[in-house]
Amino acid sequence: MSIQQLKELFGNQEAILELVQLEGGELALRNAGSTQEPLVKIQFNDEVKALLGDQTALVAQHMIQAALFGLLEKQVNQWHAEVVDEQPEFIS
């Protein structure tokens, strides 16, 4: 995902995101104050909800953080990638 795609998704490079619980019980990540469709929805089945108890929102938050970290890490790796088109003079 490029910076331009992120700008289109979040509206600018600095976004305030919120994790909210929707009426159906799903947890959703969205731009703060937005009325648009959430960026991400997480839904746990009843068995997992019972297992997690009051930690359900915390687990969802960690899932979102891991996804955002992975996205940012991928972008940084693309920035640091160096493409060499020339054949090296010496090969060891």
PDB file of N, CA and C in Angstrom:
ATOM      1  N   MET A   1       0.854  -1.170   0.000  1.00  0.00           N
ATOM      2  CA  MET A   1       0.000   0.000   0.000  1.00  0.00           C
ATOM      3  C   MET A   1       0.898   1.231   0.000  1.00  0.00           C
ATOM      4  N   SER A   2       0.614   2.148  -0.869  1.00  0.00           N
ATOM      5  CA  SER A   2       1.433   3.351  -0.984  1.00  0.00           C
ATOM      6  C   SER A   2       0.935   4.444  -0.042  1.00  0.00           C
ATOM      7  N   ILE A   3       1.778   5.461   0.132  1.00  0.00           N
ATOM      8  CA  ILE A   3       1.379   6.613   0.949  1.00  0.00           C
ATOM      9  C   ILE A   3       0.132   7.263   0.361  1.00  0.00           C
ATOM     10  N   GLN A   4       0.059   7.341  -0.962  1.00  0.00           N
ATOM     11  CA  GLN A   4      -1.110   7.934  -1.604  1.00  0.00           C
ATOM     12  C   GLN A   4      -2.378   7.143  -1.269  1.00  0.00           C
ATOM     13  N   GLN A   5      -2.273   5.819  -1.288  1.00  0.00           N
ATOM     14  CA  GLN A   5      -3.428   4.994  -0.938  1.00  0.00           C
ATOM     15  C   GLN A   5      -3.819   5.197   0.523  1.00  0.00           C
ATOM     16  N   LEU A   6      -2.817   5.322   1.402  1.00  0.00           N
ATOM     17  CA  LEU A   6      -3.110   5.587   2.811  1.00  0.00           C
ATOM     18  C   LEU A   6      -3.784   6.941   2.979  1.00  0.00           C
ATOM     19  N   LYS A   7      -3.319   7.956   2.224  1.00  0.00           N
ATOM     20  CA  LYS A   7      -3.940   9.283   2.302  1.00  0.00           C
ATOM     21  C   LYS A   7      -5.402   9.209   1.880  1.00  0.00           C
ATOM     22  N   GLU A   8      -5.669   8.452   0.810  1.00  0.00           N
ATOM     23  CA  GLU A   8      -7.047   8.319   0.343  1.00  0.00           C
ATOM     24  C   GLU A   8      -7.903   7.583   1.375  1.00  0.00           C
ATOM     25  N   LEU A   9      -7.310   6.591   2.027  1.00  0.00           N
ATOM     26  CA  LEU A   9      -8.038   5.807   3.016  1.00  0.00           C
ATOM     27  C   LEU A   9      -8.324   6.610   4.278  1.00  0.00           C
ATOM     28  N   PHE A  10      -7.321   7.327   4.778  1.00  0.00           N
ATOM     29  CA  PHE A  10      -7.452   8.046   6.042  1.00  0.00           C
ATOM     30  C   PHE A  10      -7.756   9.530   5.871  1.00  0.00           C
ATOM     31  N   GLY A  11      -7.681  10.064   4.660  1.00  0.00           N
ATOM     32  CA  GLY A  11      -7.962  11.473   4.447  1.00  0.00           C
ATOM     33  C   GLY A  11      -6.722  12.336   4.503  1.00  0.00           C
ATOM     34  N   ASN A  12      -5.715  11.932   5.254  1.00  0.00           N
ATOM     35  CA  ASN A  12      -4.412  12.591   5.302  1.00  0.00           C
ATOM     36  C   ASN A  12      -3.454  11.647   6.008  1.00  0.00           C
ATOM     37  N   GLN A  13      -2.206  12.077   6.185  1.00  0.00           N
ATOM     38  CA  GLN A  13      -1.222  11.195   6.805  1.00  0.00           C
ATOM     39  C   GLN A  13      -1.443  11.060   8.311  1.00  0.00           C
ATOM     40  N   GLU A  14      -2.038  12.039   8.923  1.00  0.00           N
ATOM     41  CA  GLU A  14      -2.307  11.972  10.356  1.00  0.00           C
ATOM     42  C   GLU A  14      -3.785  11.664  10.547  1.00  0.00           C
ATOM     43  N   ALA A  15      -4.050  10.507  11.099  1.00  0.00           N
ATOM     44  CA  ALA A  15      -5.437  10.100  11.304  1.00  0.00           C
ATOM     45  C   ALA A  15      -5.630   9.712  12.764  1.00  0.00           C
ATOM     46  N   ILE A  16      -6.782  10.055  13.270  1.00  0.00           N
ATOM     47  CA  ILE A  16      -7.154   9.615  14.613  1.00  0.00           C
ATOM     48  C   ILE A  16      -8.165   8.495  14.417  1.00  0.00           C
ATOM     49  N   LEU A  17      -7.779   7.311  14.859  1.00  0.00           N
ATOM     50  CA  LEU A  17      -8.629   6.142  14.699  1.00  0.00           C
ATOM     51  C   LEU A  17      -9.251   5.776  16.034  1.00  0.00           C
ATOM     52  N   GLU A  18     -10.431   5.191  15.970  1.00  0.00           N
ATOM     53  CA  GLU A  18     -11.085   4.744  17.192  1.00  0.00           C
ATOM     54  C   GLU A  18     -11.601   3.326  16.995  1.00  0.00           C
ATOM     55  N   LEU A  19     -11.509   2.552  18.058  1.00  0.00           N
ATOM     56  CA  LEU A  19     -12.049   1.199  18.077  1.00  0.00           C
ATOM     57  C   LEU A  19     -13.369   1.268  18.827  1.00  0.00           C
ATOM     58  N   VAL A  20     -14.458   0.945  18.137  1.00  0.00           N
ATOM     59  CA  VAL A  20     -15.789   1.078  18.727  1.00  0.00           C
ATOM     60  C   VAL A  20     -16.536  -0.246  18.627  1.00  0.00           C
ATOM     61  N   GLN A  21     -17.523  -0.398  19.490  1.00  0.00           N
ATOM     62  CA  GLN A  21     -18.392  -1.568  19.409  1.00  0.00           C
ATOM     63  C   GLN A  21     -19.671  -1.151  18.703  1.00  0.00           C
ATOM     64  N   LEU A  22     -19.988  -1.845  17.625  1.00  0.00           N
ATOM     65  CA  LEU A  22     -21.188  -1.550  16.851  1.00  0.00           C
ATOM     66  C   LEU A  22     -22.404  -2.191  17.513  1.00  0.00           C
ATOM     67  N   GLU A  23     -23.588  -1.815  17.036  1.00  0.00           N
ATOM     68  CA  GLU A  23     -24.834  -2.307  17.630  1.00  0.00           C
ATOM     69  C   GLU A  23     -24.926  -3.826  17.619  1.00  0.00           C
ATOM     70  N   GLY A  24     -24.388  -4.461  16.586  1.00  0.00           N
ATOM     71  CA  GLY A  24     -24.449  -5.916  16.482  1.00  0.00           C
ATOM     72  C   GLY A  24     -23.405  -6.632  17.317  1.00  0.00           C
ATOM     73  N   GLY A  25     -22.589  -5.875  18.051  1.00  0.00           N
ATOM     74  CA  GLY A  25     -21.561  -6.473  18.892  1.00  0.00           C
ATOM     75  C   GLY A  25     -20.197  -6.564  18.237  1.00  0.00           C
ATOM     76  N   GLU A  26     -20.117  -6.259  16.937  1.00  0.00           N
ATOM     77  CA  GLU A  26     -18.826  -6.276  16.260  1.00  0.00           C
ATOM     78  C   GLU A  26     -17.963  -5.132  16.766  1.00  0.00           C
ATOM     79  N   LEU A  27     -16.658  -5.346  16.761  1.00  0.00           N
ATOM     80  CA  LEU A  27     -15.719  -4.274  17.069  1.00  0.00           C
ATOM     81  C   LEU A  27     -15.234  -3.716  15.743  1.00  0.00           C
ATOM     82  N   ALA A  28     -15.153  -2.407  15.629  1.00  0.00           N
ATOM     83  CA  ALA A  28     -14.818  -1.782  14.356  1.00  0.00           C
ATOM     84  C   ALA A  28     -13.772  -0.692  14.548  1.00  0.00           C
ATOM     85  N   LEU A  29     -12.871  -0.604  13.591  1.00  0.00           N
ATOM     86  CA  LEU A  29     -11.881   0.466  13.551  1.00  0.00           C
ATOM     87  C   LEU A  29     -12.343   1.459  12.502  1.00  0.00           C
ATOM     88  N   ARG A  30     -12.393   2.727  12.884  1.00  0.00           N
ATOM     89  CA  ARG A  30     -12.823   3.756  11.940  1.00  0.00           C
ATOM     90  C   ARG A  30     -12.111   5.058  12.248  1.00  0.00           C
ATOM     91  N   ASN A  31     -12.184   5.980  11.293  1.00  0.00           N
ATOM     92  CA  ASN A  31     -11.689   7.331  11.546  1.00  0.00           C
ATOM     93  C   ASN A  31     -12.577   7.944  12.620  1.00  0.00           C
ATOM     94  N   ALA A  32     -11.972   8.619  13.580  1.00  0.00           N
ATOM     95  CA  ALA A  32     -12.728   9.206  14.686  1.00  0.00           C
ATOM     96  C   ALA A  32     -13.813  10.129  14.151  1.00  0.00           C
ATOM     97  N   GLY A  33     -15.016   9.937  14.633  1.00  0.00           N
ATOM     98  CA  GLY A  33     -16.129  10.790  14.257  1.00  0.00           C
ATOM     99  C   GLY A  33     -16.706  10.510  12.881  1.00  0.00           C
ATOM    100  N   SER A  34     -16.201   9.513  12.185  1.00  0.00           N
ATOM    101  CA  SER A  34     -16.654   9.223  10.831  1.00  0.00           C
ATOM    102  C   SER A  34     -17.991   8.489  10.851  1.00  0.00           C
ATOM    103  N   THR A  35     -18.803   8.759   9.844  1.00  0.00           N
ATOM    104  CA  THR A  35     -20.054   8.029   9.675  1.00  0.00           C
ATOM    105  C   THR A  35     -19.949   7.033   8.525  1.00  0.00           C
ATOM    106  N   GLN A  36     -18.773   6.968   7.898  1.00  0.00           N
ATOM    107  CA  GLN A  36     -18.563   6.038   6.786  1.00  0.00           C
ATOM    108  C   GLN A  36     -18.386   4.614   7.307  1.00  0.00           C
ATOM    109  N   GLU A  37     -18.389   3.679   6.377  1.00  0.00           N
ATOM    110  CA  GLU A  37     -18.155   2.269   6.701  1.00  0.00           C
ATOM    111  C   GLU A  37     -16.823   2.142   7.431  1.00  0.00           C
ATOM    112  N   PRO A  38     -16.764   1.348   8.502  1.00  0.00           N
ATOM    113  CA  PRO A  38     -15.499   1.177   9.231  1.00  0.00           C
ATOM    114  C   PRO A  38     -14.395   0.625   8.333  1.00  0.00           C
ATOM    115  N   LEU A  39     -13.154   0.917   8.690  1.00  0.00           N
ATOM    116  CA  LEU A  39     -12.006   0.416   7.948  1.00  0.00           C
ATOM    117  C   LEU A  39     -11.854  -1.084   8.153  1.00  0.00           C
ATOM    118  N   VAL A  40     -12.120  -1.545   9.369  1.00  0.00           N
ATOM    119  CA  VAL A  40     -11.979  -2.955   9.731  1.00  0.00           C
ATOM    120  C   VAL A  40     -13.086  -3.314  10.720  1.00  0.00           C
ATOM    121  N   LYS A  41     -13.624  -4.514  10.581  1.00  0.00           N
ATOM    122  CA  LYS A  41     -14.573  -5.045  11.566  1.00  0.00           C
ATOM    123  C   LYS A  41     -14.015  -6.363  12.087  1.00  0.00           C
ATOM    124  N   ILE A  42     -14.128  -6.568  13.390  1.00  0.00           N
ATOM    125  CA  ILE A  42     -13.715  -7.822  14.010  1.00  0.00           C
ATOM    126  C   ILE A  42     -14.923  -8.389  14.739  1.00  0.00           C
ATOM    127  N   GLN A  43     -15.224  -9.641  14.437  1.00  0.00           N
ATOM    128  CA  GLN A  43     -16.364 -10.285  15.082  1.00  0.00           C
ATOM    129  C   GLN A  43     -15.899 -11.622  15.652  1.00  0.00           C
ATOM    130  N   PHE A  44     -16.093 -11.807  16.938  1.00  0.00           N
ATOM    131  CA  PHE A  44     -15.762 -13.057  17.609  1.00  0.00           C
ATOM    132  C   PHE A  44     -17.037 -13.880  17.764  1.00  0.00           C
ATOM    133  N   ASN A  45     -16.926 -15.193  17.613  1.00  0.00           N
ATOM    134  CA  ASN A  45     -18.115 -16.021  17.851  1.00  0.00           C
ATOM    135  C   ASN A  45     -18.351 -16.123  19.357  1.00  0.00           C
ATOM    136  N   ASP A  46     -19.500 -16.661  19.723  1.00  0.00           N
ATOM    137  CA  ASP A  46     -19.894 -16.705  21.137  1.00  0.00           C
ATOM    138  C   ASP A  46     -18.909 -17.489  21.997  1.00  0.00           C
ATOM    139  N   GLU A  47     -18.353 -18.563  21.442  1.00  0.00           N
ATOM    140  CA  GLU A  47     -17.402 -19.381  22.198  1.00  0.00           C
ATOM    141  C   GLU A  47     -16.142 -18.580  22.539  1.00  0.00           C
ATOM    142  N   VAL A  48     -15.633 -17.834  21.567  1.00  0.00           N
ATOM    143  CA  VAL A  48     -14.433 -17.017  21.803  1.00  0.00           C
ATOM    144  C   VAL A  48     -14.751 -15.874  22.756  1.00  0.00           C
ATOM    145  N   LYS A  49     -15.922 -15.248  22.594  1.00  0.00           N
ATOM    146  CA  LYS A  49     -16.326 -14.179  23.518  1.00  0.00           C
ATOM    147  C   LYS A  49     -16.365 -14.686  24.952  1.00  0.00           C
ATOM    148  N   ALA A  50     -16.908 -15.895  25.138  1.00  0.00           N
ATOM    149  CA  ALA A  50     -16.981 -16.472  26.486  1.00  0.00           C
ATOM    150  C   ALA A  50     -15.582 -16.736  27.027  1.00  0.00           C
ATOM    151  N   LEU A  51     -14.691 -17.181  26.162  1.00  0.00           N
ATOM    152  CA  LEU A  51     -13.316 -17.458  26.571  1.00  0.00           C
ATOM    153  C   LEU A  51     -12.576 -16.173  26.946  1.00  0.00           C
ATOM    154  N   LEU A  52     -12.764 -15.119  26.141  1.00  0.00           N
ATOM    155  CA  LEU A  52     -12.051 -13.855  26.369  1.00  0.00           C
ATOM    156  C   LEU A  52     -12.689 -13.009  27.466  1.00  0.00           C
ATOM    157  N   GLY A  53     -13.984 -13.127  27.628  1.00  0.00           N
ATOM    158  CA  GLY A  53     -14.675 -12.345  28.653  1.00  0.00           C
ATOM    159  C   GLY A  53     -14.507 -10.855  28.434  1.00  0.00           C
ATOM    160  N   ASP A  54     -14.129 -10.142  29.497  1.00  0.00           N
ATOM    161  CA  ASP A  54     -13.997  -8.684  29.391  1.00  0.00           C
ATOM    162  C   ASP A  54     -12.709  -8.258  28.688  1.00  0.00           C
ATOM    163  N   GLN A  55     -11.914  -9.211  28.232  1.00  0.00           N
ATOM    164  CA  GLN A  55     -10.680  -8.902  27.497  1.00  0.00           C
ATOM    165  C   GLN A  55     -10.902  -8.869  25.981  1.00  0.00           C
ATOM    166  N   THR A  56     -12.139  -9.063  25.534  1.00  0.00           N
ATOM    167  CA  THR A  56     -12.440  -9.127  24.103  1.00  0.00           C
ATOM    168  C   THR A  56     -11.977  -7.876  23.369  1.00  0.00           C
ATOM    169  N   ALA A  57     -12.308  -6.704  23.880  1.00  0.00           N
ATOM    170  CA  ALA A  57     -11.914  -5.455  23.220  1.00  0.00           C
ATOM    171  C   ALA A  57     -10.398  -5.300  23.206  1.00  0.00           C
ATOM    172  N   LEU A  58      -9.733  -5.723  24.265  1.00  0.00           N
ATOM    173  CA  LEU A  58      -8.274  -5.628  24.328  1.00  0.00           C
ATOM    174  C   LEU A  58      -7.619  -6.519  23.279  1.00  0.00           C
ATOM    175  N   VAL A  59      -8.140  -7.726  23.105  1.00  0.00           N
ATOM    176  CA  VAL A  59      -7.607  -8.630  22.083  1.00  0.00           C
ATOM    177  C   VAL A  59      -7.815  -8.029  20.695  1.00  0.00           C
ATOM    178  N   ALA A  60      -8.990  -7.465  20.446  1.00  0.00           N
ATOM    179  CA  ALA A  60      -9.255  -6.813  19.158  1.00  0.00           C
ATOM    180  C   ALA A  60      -8.292  -5.652  18.940  1.00  0.00           C
ATOM    181  N   GLN A  61      -8.036  -4.879  19.985  1.00  0.00           N
ATOM    182  CA  GLN A  61      -7.098  -3.757  19.883  1.00  0.00           C
ATOM    183  C   GLN A  61      -5.706  -4.259  19.509  1.00  0.00           C
ATOM    184  N   HIS A  62      -5.264  -5.344  20.124  1.00  0.00           N
ATOM    185  CA  HIS A  62      -3.949  -5.901  19.799  1.00  0.00           C
ATOM    186  C   HIS A  62      -3.906  -6.428  18.364  1.00  0.00           C
ATOM    187  N   MET A  63      -5.012  -6.979  17.893  1.00  0.00           N
ATOM    188  CA  MET A  63      -5.076  -7.447  16.511  1.00  0.00           C
ATOM    189  C   MET A  63      -4.917  -6.273  15.545  1.00  0.00           C
ATOM    190  N   ILE A  64      -5.600  -5.175  15.833  1.00  0.00           N
ATOM    191  CA  ILE A  64      -5.507  -3.978  14.992  1.00  0.00           C
ATOM    192  C   ILE A  64      -4.092  -3.414  15.035  1.00  0.00           C
ATOM    193  N   GLN A  65      -3.500  -3.326  16.219  1.00  0.00           N
ATOM    194  CA  GLN A  65      -2.135  -2.810  16.343  1.00  0.00           C
ATOM    195  C   GLN A  65      -1.153  -3.657  15.550  1.00  0.00           C
ATOM    196  N   ALA A  66      -1.301  -4.977  15.609  1.00  0.00           N
ATOM    197  CA  ALA A  66      -0.409  -5.868  14.864  1.00  0.00           C
ATOM    198  C   ALA A  66      -0.568  -5.660  13.361  1.00  0.00           C
ATOM    199  N   ALA A  67      -1.799  -5.481  12.909  1.00  0.00           N
ATOM    200  CA  ALA A  67      -2.040  -5.253  11.484  1.00  0.00           C
ATOM    201  C   ALA A  67      -1.427  -3.932  11.025  1.00  0.00           C
ATOM    202  N   LEU A  68      -1.614  -2.868  11.806  1.00  0.00           N
ATOM    203  CA  LEU A  68      -1.045  -1.567  11.446  1.00  0.00           C
ATOM    204  C   LEU A  68       0.475  -1.606  11.478  1.00  0.00           C
ATOM    205  N   PHE A  69       1.049  -2.282  12.469  1.00  0.00           N
ATOM    206  CA  PHE A  69       2.502  -2.413  12.542  1.00  0.00           C
ATOM    207  C   PHE A  69       3.022  -3.153  11.313  1.00  0.00           C
ATOM    208  N   GLY A  70       2.351  -4.232  10.928  1.00  0.00           N
ATOM    209  CA  GLY A  70       2.758  -4.986   9.741  1.00  0.00           C
ATOM    210  C   GLY A  70       2.684  -4.147   8.481  1.00  0.00           C
ATOM    211  N   LEU A  71       1.636  -3.341   8.358  1.00  0.00           N
ATOM    212  CA  LEU A  71       1.486  -2.462   7.200  1.00  0.00           C
ATOM    213  C   LEU A  71       2.601  -1.426   7.152  1.00  0.00           C
ATOM    214  N   LEU A  72       2.888  -0.799   8.290  1.00  0.00           N
ATOM    215  CA  LEU A  72       3.952   0.205   8.337  1.00  0.00           C
ATOM    216  C   LEU A  72       5.315  -0.420   8.089  1.00  0.00           C
ATOM    217  N   GLU A  73       5.552  -1.614   8.636  1.00  0.00           N
ATOM    218  CA  GLU A  73       6.824  -2.297   8.427  1.00  0.00           C
ATOM    219  C   GLU A  73       7.022  -2.631   6.949  1.00  0.00           C
ATOM    220  N   LYS A  74       5.957  -3.074   6.289  1.00  0.00           N
ATOM    221  CA  LYS A  74       6.021  -3.364   4.856  1.00  0.00           C
ATOM    222  C   LYS A  74       6.365  -2.104   4.074  1.00  0.00           C
ATOM    223  N   GLN A  75       5.734  -0.979   4.421  1.00  0.00           N
ATOM    224  CA  GLN A  75       5.993   0.279   3.723  1.00  0.00           C
ATOM    225  C   GLN A  75       7.434   0.722   3.930  1.00  0.00           C
ATOM    226  N   VAL A  76       7.939   0.632   5.151  1.00  0.00           N
ATOM    227  CA  VAL A  76       9.326   1.022   5.440  1.00  0.00           C
ATOM    228  C   VAL A  76      10.290   0.132   4.672  1.00  0.00           C
ATOM    229  N   ASN A  77      10.004  -1.164   4.617  1.00  0.00           N
ATOM    230  CA  ASN A  77      10.867  -2.077   3.867  1.00  0.00           C
ATOM    231  C   ASN A  77      10.894  -1.731   2.386  1.00  0.00           C
ATOM    232  N   GLN A  78       9.774  -1.297   1.838  1.00  0.00           N
ATOM    233  CA  GLN A  78       9.739  -0.887   0.435  1.00  0.00           C
ATOM    234  C   GLN A  78      10.570   0.373   0.223  1.00  0.00           C
ATOM    235  N   TRP A  79      10.521   1.293   1.181  1.00  0.00           N
ATOM    236  CA  TRP A  79      11.317   2.515   1.064  1.00  0.00           C
ATOM    237  C   TRP A  79      12.805   2.202   1.097  1.00  0.00           C
ATOM    238  N   HIS A  80      13.186   1.192   1.912  1.00  0.00           N
ATOM    239  CA  HIS A  80      14.594   0.871   2.070  1.00  0.00           C
ATOM    240  C   HIS A  80      15.109  -0.106   1.022  1.00  0.00           C
ATOM    241  N   ALA A  81      14.224  -0.638   0.214  1.00  0.00           N
ATOM    242  CA  ALA A  81      14.656  -1.584  -0.814  1.00  0.00           C
ATOM    243  C   ALA A  81      15.487  -0.847  -1.860  1.00  0.00           C
ATOM    244  N   GLU A  82      16.568  -1.476  -2.257  1.00  0.00           N
ATOM    245  CA  GLU A  82      17.432  -0.881  -3.274  1.00  0.00           C
ATOM    246  C   GLU A  82      17.518  -1.851  -4.436  1.00  0.00           C
ATOM    247  N   VAL A  83      17.194  -1.376  -5.612  1.00  0.00           N
ATOM    248  CA  VAL A  83      17.227  -2.205  -6.805  1.00  0.00           C
ATOM    249  C   VAL A  83      18.498  -1.882  -7.571  1.00  0.00           C
ATOM    250  N   VAL A  84      19.262  -2.935  -7.876  1.00  0.00           N
ATOM    251  CA  VAL A  84      20.507  -2.762  -8.625  1.00  0.00           C
ATOM    252  C   VAL A  84      20.330  -3.442  -9.968  1.00  0.00           C
ATOM    253  N   ASP A  85      20.407  -2.666 -11.036  1.00  0.00           N
ATOM    254  CA  ASP A  85      20.227  -3.199 -12.380  1.00  0.00           C
ATOM    255  C   ASP A  85      21.541  -3.584 -13.042  1.00  0.00           C
ATOM    256  N   GLU A  86      22.650  -3.135 -12.478  1.00  0.00           N
ATOM    257  CA  GLU A  86      23.942  -3.392 -13.106  1.00  0.00           C
ATOM    258  C   GLU A  86      24.540  -4.690 -12.587  1.00  0.00           C
ATOM    259  N   GLN A  87      25.165  -5.424 -13.487  1.00  0.00           N
ATOM    260  CA  GLN A  87      25.865  -6.643 -13.111  1.00  0.00           C
ATOM    261  C   GLN A  87      27.118  -6.265 -12.331  1.00  0.00           C
ATOM    262  N   PRO A  88      27.393  -6.902 -11.191  1.00  0.00           N
ATOM    263  CA  PRO A  88      28.606  -6.558 -10.439  1.00  0.00           C
ATOM    264  C   PRO A  88      29.860  -6.914 -11.234  1.00  0.00           C
ATOM    265  N   GLU A  89      30.915  -6.123 -11.029  1.00  0.00           N
ATOM    266  CA  GLU A  89      32.172  -6.351 -11.736  1.00  0.00           C
ATOM    267  C   GLU A  89      32.840  -7.631 -11.251  1.00  0.00           C
ATOM    268  N   PHE A  90      32.786  -7.884  -9.951  1.00  0.00           N
ATOM    269  CA  PHE A  90      33.396  -9.081  -9.374  1.00  0.00           C
ATOM    270  C   PHE A  90      32.339  -9.846  -8.586  1.00  0.00           C
ATOM    271  N   ILE A  91      32.342 -11.150  -8.773  1.00  0.00           N
ATOM    272  CA  ILE A  91      31.433 -11.997  -8.011  1.00  0.00           C
ATOM    273  C   ILE A  91      32.269 -12.919  -7.145  1.00  0.00           C
ATOM    274  N   SER A  92      32.019 -12.931  -5.858  1.00  0.00           N
ATOM    275  CA  SER A  92      32.816 -13.793  -4.973  1.00  0.00           C
ATOM    276  C   SER A  92      32.044 -15.023  -4.585  1.00  0.00           C
TER     277      SER A  92
END
